[in-house]
Protein backbone atom coordinates (compact mmCIF):
# COMPACT_ATOMS: atom_id res chain seq x y z
CA MET A 1 -11.24 2.27 -13.31
CA THR A 2 -9.47 -1.79 -12.63
CA GLU A 3 -7.65 -2.60 -9.93
CA GLN A 4 -4.25 -1.88 -11.59
CA ASP A 5 -5.46 1.54 -12.32
CA ILE A 6 -6.21 1.84 -8.65
CA LYS A 7 -3.20 1.06 -7.13
CA GLN A 8 -0.97 3.06 -9.23
CA THR A 9 -2.42 5.90 -8.58
CA ILE A 10 -2.69 5.17 -4.56
CA PHE A 11 1.40 4.46 -5.01
CA GLN A 12 1.57 7.87 -7.00
CA LEU A 13 -0.31 9.91 -4.27
CA LEU A 14 2.39 8.18 -1.83
CA LYS A 15 5.39 9.28 -3.64
CA LYS A 16 4.03 13.35 -3.73
CA ILE A 17 3.29 13.17 0.02
CA ALA A 18 6.35 10.67 1.38
CA PRO A 19 8.65 11.02 -1.50
CA ASP A 20 11.12 9.02 0.63
CA THR A 21 9.15 6.06 0.42
CA GLU A 22 8.72 2.77 -1.64
CA PRO A 23 4.99 2.20 -1.87
CA GLU A 24 5.83 -0.22 -4.97
CA LYS A 25 7.41 -2.52 -2.22
CA LEU A 26 4.54 -3.03 -0.47
CA LYS A 27 2.44 -5.84 -0.49
CA PRO A 28 -1.57 -6.41 -0.14
CA ASP A 29 -1.88 -6.65 3.19
CA ASP A 30 1.09 -4.83 4.64
CA ASP A 31 -0.30 -1.75 6.80
CA ILE A 32 0.13 1.06 4.68
CA ARG A 33 1.29 3.52 7.62
CA ARG A 34 3.39 1.17 9.60
CA THR A 35 5.43 -0.43 6.36
CA LEU A 36 6.31 2.69 4.97
CA GLU A 37 6.49 4.66 8.37
CA ILE A 38 3.83 7.75 7.58
CA ASP A 39 3.50 10.00 10.47
CA SER A 40 -0.48 10.83 10.89
CA PHE A 41 -0.42 13.71 9.61
CA ASP A 42 0.84 12.38 6.23
CA ALA A 43 -1.91 9.92 6.52
CA LEU A 44 -4.71 12.65 7.15
CA GLN A 45 -2.89 13.95 3.85
CA PHE A 46 -3.41 11.23 1.59
CA VAL A 47 -7.07 10.32 2.88
CA VAL A 48 -7.85 13.81 1.49
CA ALA A 49 -5.17 13.14 -1.65
CA LEU A 50 -6.91 10.49 -2.23
CA ASP A 51 -10.49 11.72 -1.98
CA ALA A 52 -9.61 14.78 -4.18
CA HIS A 53 -8.79 12.34 -7.08
CA PHE A 54 -11.60 9.97 -6.42
CA GLY A 55 -13.76 11.74 -6.12
CA ILE A 56 -15.12 10.59 -2.96
CA GLU A 57 -15.17 11.28 0.85
CA THR A 58 -13.91 8.90 3.19
CA PRO A 59 -15.35 9.37 6.87
CA GLU A 60 -12.96 9.38 9.65
CA ALA A 61 -14.90 6.25 11.15
CA ASP A 62 -13.65 4.41 7.63
CA TYR A 63 -10.25 4.97 8.20
CA GLY A 64 -9.42 2.09 10.29
CA LYS A 65 -10.91 -0.20 6.97
CA ILE A 66 -8.07 1.23 4.42
CA ALA A 67 -4.92 0.77 6.96
CA THR A 68 -3.15 -2.27 4.03
CA LEU A 69 -3.34 -1.84 0.40
CA ARG A 70 -5.85 -4.93 -0.25
CA GLN A 71 -8.33 -3.04 1.83
CA LEU A 72 -7.78 0.52 0.19
CA ILE A 73 -8.36 -0.41 -3.11
CA SER A 74 -11.60 -2.77 -2.19
CA TYR A 75 -12.96 0.62 -0.37
CA ILE A 76 -11.64 2.58 -3.30
CA MET A 77 -13.69 0.03 -5.85
CA LYS A 78 -16.88 -0.02 -3.50
CA GLN A 79 -16.95 3.87 -3.30
CA LYS A 80 -16.77 4.36 -6.88
CA LYS A 81 -20.40 2.11 -7.79
C-alpha cells in the first residue's frame, strides 16, 4: 500500500464521517481536526473507521501522534509493516 493509497482512503473516510468537509484541501502539516473543524465525536469515529479499514488498533495514547495528514500517513504505514 502506497502513501497515495493511504491518503485517498483517509480522504474517503473523512468525507463519510464529515460530508461537509473538503479533506482534499488538507496540506501535509495541517491539523486535521482544526482545519476541517471536526468535533471530538467525529474524530473518534474517524479513528475507528481507520482502524477497521486498515486492520490496525490505534490506542488513545497515540491520538496525538496522528494530528496531521503527514503524521497519520506515517503512522498507518508503520502499523501496516
